[in-house]
Amino acid sequence: MMRNIAFAAAILLSACGVKDTDKNKKSEIVLLSESIQNDPTNTALLLDRAKYNKNRNNLESVLFDLNQCVKLDSLNNTFHYAVAEVYFELSKKPNANGKYPGLVKHHLTKAIKLNEKDEKSQALLGELLLAYAKYKEAIEHFNSSLKIEYNQAKTHMLMGYAFKQLGQDDNAINCFRNAVNVDPEFKEAFVQLGQMFHVRGDTSAVIYYNNALQLDPSDEMTLYNKALFYQSIKEWNAALEAYADLHKVDYTHSSGHYNKGFIHMELELYDIAANNFADAIYSNSEFYEAYYSRGNCFETLGNIKQAEIDYKRAIEINPEYTFAIEALEQLQLKNKTINNDCTGPNNKRYQGGNESQKCR
């Protein structure tokens, strides 16, 4: 009985502790608000409350306090940058106010006029322009930012994106390399380098993919890209090993199973390939390409009935899938020809009356 009472008391004390914590959290914002009410022109207090709300992702509340700071001191470039940063984050949300991007640009332009050495505003303005596909203008601002402060890994990478979109691959590669030189743990820059060399068919892609995977071994996209690269250069065994690594992280990665099937078809291992395509279908029941490819394997293996079923299923999912439509037509035409040869009057194999020589 005493043990039960003690247990109940422990629960009560724990619950009280939670309530007290909530009360303290509540009192922090209440105290800040009371202080601001008593001293409404104190920008330090407004910034403290903005920081409190930003940590809790209450961006609208953050915006209110930062706009108050701008009103109180419109010549402070850091206030303009802080407001622009919040507008930029809000503009990324679904159904965002269409005026936000314009407000981002307005406050960043103002911040730069107030302080030409404001590298953060230059970089964010470049990021805004990048989002609107104004790549050359974005690069100008990224360069301006990096001249002020070179050690900005993110800015180097974003400039790399802009060059990549302009088709200036060598410049993009240099930017991504600069990003990892500044921050050797910048995974996204390693991924970008991997993709750049992947497209070129350069085995350096594997080195960069491996660098990214050292930082994040469970990155499915990079695991997939690495396997895909080996497949593209017909390093079949390396590709299969890489897909196996991918499936250790996510066994239901349907494209990985499908590509393993493709490799086994290239190796003329149609029974294994059929199993790979079955795994792809198990992972994604609407994977019509996998139904078609498995049908192709079954047809090659002589399982005509199952091949026909798979071709029909592929067409059922995608009625416009030409490969499956043509494969089914050819299969049915072939079957019709075989049946005619077996049953027609000119069937030499049947004429001898030898039951064992009849068509099957």
Protein backbone atom coordinates (compact mmCIF):
# COMPACT_ATOMS: atom_id res chain seq x y z
CA MET A 1 0.00 0.00 0.00
CA MET A 2 2.81 2.38 0.94
CA ARG A 3 4.53 1.60 -2.33
CA ASN A 4 1.35 2.54 -4.24
CA ILE A 5 1.07 5.79 -2.31
CA ALA A 6 4.72 6.58 -2.99
CA PHE A 7 4.23 5.87 -6.70
CA ALA A 8 1.18 8.13 -6.83
CA ALA A 9 3.10 10.86 -5.05
CA ALA A 10 5.91 10.55 -7.59
CA ILE A 11 3.44 10.97 -10.45
CA LEU A 12 1.92 14.00 -8.73
CA LEU A 13 5.30 15.61 -8.20
CA SER A 14 6.24 14.93 -11.82
CA ALA A 15 3.01 16.49 -13.06
CA CYS A 16 3.56 19.52 -10.87
CA GLY A 17 7.05 19.86 -12.32
CA VAL A 18 5.65 19.93 -15.86
CA LYS A 19 3.11 22.58 -14.91
CA ASP A 20 5.79 24.68 -13.25
CA THR A 21 7.96 24.43 -16.37
CA ASP A 22 5.07 25.50 -18.59
CA LYS A 23 4.43 28.38 -16.21
CA ASN A 24 8.05 29.48 -16.46
CA LYS A 25 7.95 29.30 -20.24
CA LYS A 26 4.80 31.34 -20.25
CA SER A 27 6.18 33.89 -17.84
CA GLU A 28 9.24 34.52 -20.06
CA ILE A 29 7.16 35.84 -22.94
CA VAL A 30 4.77 37.60 -20.58
CA LEU A 31 7.66 39.37 -18.85
CA LEU A 32 9.14 40.37 -22.21
CA SER A 33 5.81 41.73 -23.40
CA GLU A 34 5.30 43.65 -20.14
CA SER A 35 8.78 45.14 -20.45
CA ILE A 36 8.07 46.22 -24.02
CA GLN A 37 4.76 47.72 -22.95
CA ASN A 38 6.60 49.79 -20.37
CA ASP A 39 9.39 50.72 -22.82
CA PRO A 40 7.99 50.41 -26.38
CA THR A 41 10.96 52.11 -28.08
CA ASN A 42 13.53 49.69 -26.68
CA THR A 43 14.73 47.78 -29.74
CA ALA A 44 16.84 45.41 -27.62
CA LEU A 45 13.68 44.15 -25.92
CA LEU A 46 11.87 43.84 -29.26
CA LEU A 47 14.79 41.82 -30.63
CA ASP A 48 14.72 39.57 -27.56
CA ARG A 49 11.04 38.83 -28.10
CA ALA A 50 11.64 38.28 -31.83
CA LYS A 51 14.40 35.80 -30.97
CA TYR A 52 12.09 34.02 -28.52
CA ASN A 53 9.38 33.63 -31.17
CA LYS A 54 11.84 32.69 -33.90
CA ASN A 55 13.08 29.79 -31.79
CA ARG A 56 9.48 28.58 -31.73
CA ASN A 57 8.92 29.24 -35.44
CA ASN A 58 6.31 31.93 -34.76
CA LEU A 59 7.45 33.91 -37.77
CA GLU A 60 4.47 36.26 -37.99
CA SER A 61 5.14 37.39 -34.43
CA VAL A 62 8.84 37.76 -35.24
CA LEU A 63 7.94 39.93 -38.22
CA PHE A 64 5.79 42.23 -36.09
CA ASP A 65 8.64 43.00 -33.67
CA LEU A 66 11.27 43.37 -36.38
CA ASN A 67 9.09 45.77 -38.34
CA GLN A 68 8.75 47.80 -35.14
CA CYS A 69 12.55 47.90 -34.93
CA VAL A 70 12.76 49.21 -38.51
CA LYS A 71 10.22 51.91 -37.73
CA LEU A 72 12.23 52.95 -34.71
CA ASP A 73 15.56 52.94 -36.52
CA SER A 74 15.19 52.85 -40.30
CA LEU A 75 18.92 53.45 -40.81
CA ASN A 76 19.98 50.21 -39.14
CA ASN A 77 20.96 47.77 -41.90
CA THR A 78 20.85 44.72 -39.60
CA PHE A 79 17.17 45.41 -38.89
CA HIS A 80 16.39 45.51 -42.60
CA TYR A 81 18.29 42.27 -43.16
CA ALA A 82 16.47 40.56 -40.27
CA VAL A 83 13.07 41.60 -41.67
CA ALA A 84 14.03 40.46 -45.18
CA GLU A 85 15.17 37.07 -43.84
CA VAL A 86 11.78 36.44 -42.21
CA TYR A 87 9.85 37.57 -45.30
CA PHE A 88 12.02 35.19 -47.34
CA GLU A 89 11.18 32.25 -45.07
CA LEU A 90 7.48 33.12 -45.11
CA SER A 91 7.52 33.36 -48.92
CA LYS A 92 8.50 29.66 -49.11
CA LYS A 93 5.31 28.55 -47.36
CA PRO A 94 2.25 27.30 -49.29
CA ASN A 95 -0.21 30.08 -50.17
CA ALA A 96 2.29 32.73 -49.09
CA ASN A 97 1.49 36.38 -49.60
CA GLY A 98 2.59 37.33 -53.11
CA LYS A 99 4.00 40.61 -51.82
CA TYR A 100 6.64 38.93 -49.66
CA PRO A 101 9.35 38.48 -52.34
CA GLY A 102 9.08 42.16 -53.23
CA LEU A 103 9.43 43.08 -49.56
CA VAL A 104 12.49 40.85 -49.29
CA LYS A 105 14.12 42.71 -52.16
CA HIS A 106 13.09 46.11 -50.77
CA HIS A 107 14.65 45.54 -47.36
CA LEU A 108 17.81 43.91 -48.71
CA THR A 109 18.36 46.74 -51.19
CA LYS A 110 17.93 49.18 -48.32
CA ALA A 111 20.35 47.25 -46.12
CA ILE A 112 23.01 47.23 -48.86
CA LYS A 113 22.61 50.98 -49.43
CA LEU A 114 23.11 51.55 -45.72
CA ASN A 115 26.13 49.24 -45.57
CA GLU A 116 27.97 48.22 -48.73
CA LYS A 117 29.97 45.68 -46.68
CA ASP A 118 26.83 43.77 -45.65
CA GLU A 119 27.74 40.32 -47.05
CA LYS A 120 24.63 38.64 -45.60
CA SER A 121 22.26 40.94 -47.48
CA GLN A 122 24.21 40.51 -50.71
CA ALA A 123 24.07 36.71 -50.36
CA LEU A 124 20.35 36.62 -49.50
CA LEU A 125 19.51 38.90 -52.41
CA GLY A 126 21.44 36.52 -54.64
CA GLU A 127 19.44 33.61 -53.24
CA LEU A 128 16.17 35.44 -53.94
CA LEU A 129 17.21 36.13 -57.53
CA LEU A 130 18.30 32.49 -57.92
CA ALA A 131 14.81 31.38 -56.86
CA TYR A 132 13.37 33.53 -59.66
CA ALA A 133 15.82 32.15 -62.26
CA LYS A 134 17.69 35.46 -62.59
CA TYR A 135 20.98 33.60 -62.59
CA LYS A 136 23.37 36.26 -63.86
CA GLU A 137 22.10 38.87 -61.39
CA ALA A 138 22.28 36.27 -58.62
CA ILE A 139 25.93 35.54 -59.46
CA GLU A 140 26.76 39.26 -59.26
CA HIS A 141 25.40 39.45 -55.72
CA PHE A 142 27.03 36.18 -54.64
CA ASN A 143 30.36 37.51 -55.91
CA SER A 144 29.84 40.79 -54.08
CA SER A 145 29.13 38.89 -50.88
CA LEU A 146 32.17 36.62 -51.24
CA LYS A 147 34.48 39.58 -51.88
CA ILE A 148 33.46 40.87 -48.46
CA GLU A 149 33.63 37.48 -46.72
CA TYR A 150 35.06 34.54 -48.64
CA ASN A 151 34.40 31.82 -46.06
CA GLN A 152 30.70 31.28 -46.82
CA ALA A 153 30.19 27.69 -47.89
CA LYS A 154 26.48 28.12 -48.65
CA THR A 155 27.07 31.17 -50.84
CA HIS A 156 29.72 29.31 -52.88
CA MET A 157 27.28 26.44 -53.36
CA LEU A 158 24.37 28.68 -54.38
CA MET A 159 26.59 30.40 -56.92
CA GLY A 160 27.46 26.92 -58.20
CA TYR A 161 23.73 26.26 -58.70
CA ALA A 162 23.42 29.47 -60.72
CA PHE A 163 26.36 28.57 -62.98
CA LYS A 164 24.96 25.06 -63.38
CA GLN A 165 21.63 26.46 -64.59
CA LEU A 166 23.50 28.62 -67.10
CA GLY A 167 25.31 25.54 -68.42
CA GLN A 168 28.68 26.85 -67.19
CA ASP A 169 29.71 23.53 -65.69
CA ASP A 170 33.38 24.30 -65.05
CA ASN A 171 32.46 27.40 -63.06
CA ALA A 172 29.83 25.41 -61.18
CA ILE A 173 32.37 22.72 -60.27
CA ASN A 174 34.79 25.36 -59.00
CA CYS A 175 32.07 26.85 -56.80
CA PHE A 176 31.09 23.48 -55.34
CA ARG A 177 34.75 22.72 -54.67
CA ASN A 178 35.15 26.07 -52.95
CA ALA A 179 32.14 25.21 -50.79
CA VAL A 180 33.70 21.96 -49.52
CA ASN A 181 37.06 23.65 -49.04
CA VAL A 182 35.39 26.16 -46.74
CA ASP A 183 33.29 23.47 -45.03
CA PRO A 184 34.61 19.90 -45.45
CA GLU A 185 31.35 18.57 -43.95
CA PHE A 186 29.07 20.27 -46.47
CA LYS A 187 27.26 17.19 -47.78
CA GLU A 188 25.13 18.92 -50.41
CA ALA A 189 28.21 20.36 -52.14
CA PHE A 190 29.74 16.86 -52.37
CA VAL A 191 26.46 15.58 -53.82
CA GLN A 192 26.48 18.35 -56.43
CA LEU A 193 30.05 17.52 -57.40
CA GLY A 194 29.09 13.87 -57.70
CA GLN A 195 26.23 14.76 -60.01
CA MET A 196 28.38 17.05 -62.16
CA PHE A 197 30.97 14.33 -62.78
CA HIS A 198 28.23 11.69 -63.08
CA VAL A 199 26.84 13.46 -66.14
CA ARG A 200 30.33 13.53 -67.64
CA GLY A 201 30.78 9.81 -67.08
CA ASP A 202 33.83 10.61 -64.94
CA THR A 203 34.61 8.11 -62.17
CA SER A 204 35.42 11.06 -59.89
CA ALA A 205 31.65 11.01 -59.31
CA VAL A 206 32.07 7.96 -57.07
CA ILE A 207 34.68 9.74 -54.92
CA TYR A 208 32.32 12.66 -54.28
CA TYR A 209 29.31 10.39 -53.69
CA ASN A 210 31.39 8.44 -51.17
CA ASN A 211 32.41 11.68 -49.43
CA ALA A 212 28.73 12.58 -49.10
CA LEU A 213 27.91 9.08 -47.80
CA GLN A 214 30.63 9.30 -45.17
CA LEU A 215 28.75 12.30 -43.80
CA ASP A 216 25.33 10.66 -44.18
CA PRO A 217 25.43 6.88 -44.84
CA SER A 218 21.63 6.66 -45.07
CA ASP A 219 21.19 9.25 -47.83
CA GLU A 220 18.98 7.28 -50.23
CA MET A 221 19.34 9.65 -53.17
CA THR A 222 23.13 9.54 -53.06
CA LEU A 223 23.16 5.77 -52.65
CA TYR A 224 20.87 5.51 -55.66
CA ASN A 225 22.92 7.94 -57.75
CA LYS A 226 26.11 6.03 -56.97
CA ALA A 227 24.53 2.76 -58.12
CA LEU A 228 23.08 4.46 -61.18
CA PHE A 229 26.50 5.81 -62.12
CA TYR A 230 28.09 2.35 -61.99
CA GLN A 231 25.19 1.09 -64.10
CA SER A 232 25.67 3.86 -66.66
CA ILE A 233 29.31 2.83 -67.22
CA LYS A 234 28.31 -0.87 -67.27
CA GLU A 235 30.20 -1.78 -64.11
CA TRP A 236 27.51 -4.37 -63.39
CA ASN A 237 28.96 -5.95 -60.22
CA ALA A 238 29.74 -2.59 -58.63
CA ALA A 239 26.24 -1.40 -59.51
CA LEU A 240 24.60 -4.46 -57.95
CA GLU A 241 26.65 -3.98 -54.78
CA ALA A 242 25.65 -0.32 -54.65
CA TYR A 243 21.95 -1.21 -55.09
CA ALA A 244 22.35 -3.77 -52.29
CA ASP A 245 23.66 -0.96 -50.05
CA LEU A 246 20.64 1.14 -51.02
CA HIS A 247 18.23 -1.67 -50.13
CA LYS A 248 19.86 -2.08 -46.72
CA VAL A 249 18.60 1.44 -46.02
CA ASP A 250 15.26 1.09 -47.81
CA TYR A 251 14.29 -2.32 -49.14
CA THR A 252 11.17 -0.86 -50.76
CA HIS A 253 13.14 1.40 -53.14
CA SER A 254 11.30 0.27 -56.26
CA SER A 255 13.58 1.94 -58.83
CA GLY A 256 16.56 0.19 -57.26
CA HIS A 257 14.89 -3.20 -57.70
CA TYR A 258 13.88 -2.31 -61.24
CA ASN A 259 17.43 -1.33 -62.19
CA LYS A 260 18.79 -4.56 -60.72
CA GLY A 261 16.36 -6.35 -63.01
CA PHE A 262 17.66 -4.39 -65.98
CA ILE A 263 21.25 -5.38 -65.14
CA HIS A 264 20.33 -9.05 -64.83
CA MET A 265 18.57 -8.87 -68.19
CA GLU A 266 21.78 -7.46 -69.67
CA LEU A 267 23.55 -10.46 -68.15
CA GLU A 268 20.83 -12.73 -69.63
CA LEU A 269 19.85 -13.94 -66.16
CA TYR A 270 16.15 -13.63 -66.88
CA ASP A 271 14.90 -15.68 -63.95
CA ILE A 272 16.75 -13.43 -61.46
CA ALA A 273 15.63 -10.36 -63.38
CA ALA A 274 12.00 -11.48 -63.12
CA ASN A 275 12.40 -11.69 -59.34
CA ASN A 276 13.89 -8.18 -59.26
CA PHE A 277 10.95 -6.80 -61.20
CA ALA A 278 8.61 -8.66 -58.83
CA ASP A 279 10.29 -6.85 -55.91
CA ALA A 280 9.81 -3.55 -57.74
CA ILE A 281 6.11 -4.33 -58.20
CA TYR A 282 5.78 -5.37 -54.55
CA SER A 283 7.26 -1.99 -53.57
CA ASN A 284 5.11 -0.06 -56.06
CA SER A 285 2.00 -1.82 -57.34
CA GLU A 286 1.51 0.83 -60.09
CA PHE A 287 5.00 0.36 -61.56
CA TYR A 288 3.83 -0.45 -65.08
CA GLU A 289 7.38 -0.51 -66.53
CA ALA A 290 8.23 -3.29 -64.08
CA TYR A 291 5.18 -5.32 -65.21
CA TYR A 292 6.27 -4.89 -68.83
CA SER A 293 9.88 -5.86 -68.10
CA ARG A 294 8.85 -8.87 -66.05
CA GLY A 295 6.57 -9.88 -68.92
CA ASN A 296 9.55 -9.62 -71.23
CA CYS A 297 11.52 -11.96 -68.95
CA PHE A 298 8.65 -14.46 -68.78
CA GLU A 299 8.29 -14.41 -72.57
CA THR A 300 12.02 -15.10 -72.96
CA LEU A 301 11.78 -17.92 -70.44
CA GLY A 302 8.83 -19.42 -72.34
CA ASN A 303 6.16 -18.57 -69.76
CA ILE A 304 3.84 -17.07 -72.36
CA LYS A 305 0.71 -17.02 -70.21
CA GLN A 306 2.36 -15.03 -67.42
CA ALA A 307 3.99 -12.71 -69.95
CA GLU A 308 0.58 -11.91 -71.42
CA ILE A 309 -0.82 -11.23 -67.96
CA ASP A 310 2.01 -8.81 -67.16
CA TYR A 311 1.74 -6.96 -70.48
CA LYS A 312 -2.00 -6.55 -69.95
CA ARG A 313 -1.46 -5.30 -66.41
CA ALA A 314 1.07 -2.71 -67.64
CA ILE A 315 -1.46 -1.47 -70.21
CA GLU A 316 -4.22 -1.45 -67.60
CA ILE A 317 -2.14 0.92 -65.45
CA ASN A 318 -0.99 3.04 -68.39
CA PRO A 319 -3.18 2.57 -71.49
CA GLU A 320 -0.72 4.63 -73.56
CA TYR A 321 2.39 2.60 -72.72
CA THR A 322 3.56 1.76 -76.25
CA PHE A 323 6.16 -0.86 -75.33
CA ALA A 324 3.62 -3.05 -73.56
CA ILE A 325 0.98 -2.56 -76.27
CA GLU A 326 3.39 -3.59 -79.02
CA ALA A 327 4.79 -6.49 -76.98
CA LEU A 328 1.29 -7.84 -76.33
CA GLU A 329 0.30 -7.52 -80.00
CA GLN A 330 3.44 -9.34 -81.15
CA LEU A 331 2.97 -12.04 -78.52
CA GLN A 332 -0.65 -12.64 -79.54
CA LEU A 333 0.30 -12.62 -83.23
CA LYS A 334 3.07 -15.13 -82.57
CA ASN A 335 0.69 -17.38 -80.64
CA LYS A 336 -1.88 -17.18 -83.42
CA THR A 337 0.74 -18.15 -86.01
CA ILE A 338 1.90 -21.08 -83.90
CA ASN A 339 -1.67 -22.28 -83.38
CA ASN A 340 -2.38 -22.08 -87.12
CA ASP A 341 0.76 -24.06 -87.90
CA CYS A 342 -0.25 -26.71 -85.42
CA THR A 343 -3.83 -27.14 -86.52
CA GLY A 344 -3.70 -26.30 -90.23
CA PRO A 345 -3.80 -28.87 -93.10
CA ASN A 346 -0.16 -28.23 -93.99
CA ASN A 347 1.12 -29.15 -90.54
CA LYS A 348 3.83 -31.63 -91.49
CA ARG A 349 4.57 -32.45 -87.87
CA TYR A 350 0.95 -33.45 -87.30
CA GLN A 351 0.47 -35.43 -90.54
CA GLY A 352 2.61 -38.37 -89.48
CA GLY A 353 0.14 -39.20 -86.76
CA ASN A 354 2.96 -39.37 -84.23
CA GLU A 355 1.36 -37.98 -81.08
CA SER A 356 4.74 -37.02 -79.63
CA GLN A 357 5.44 -34.65 -82.52
CA LYS A 358 2.31 -32.56 -82.23
CA CYS A 359 2.73 -28.82 -81.56
CA ARG A 360 2.29 -27.78 -77.95
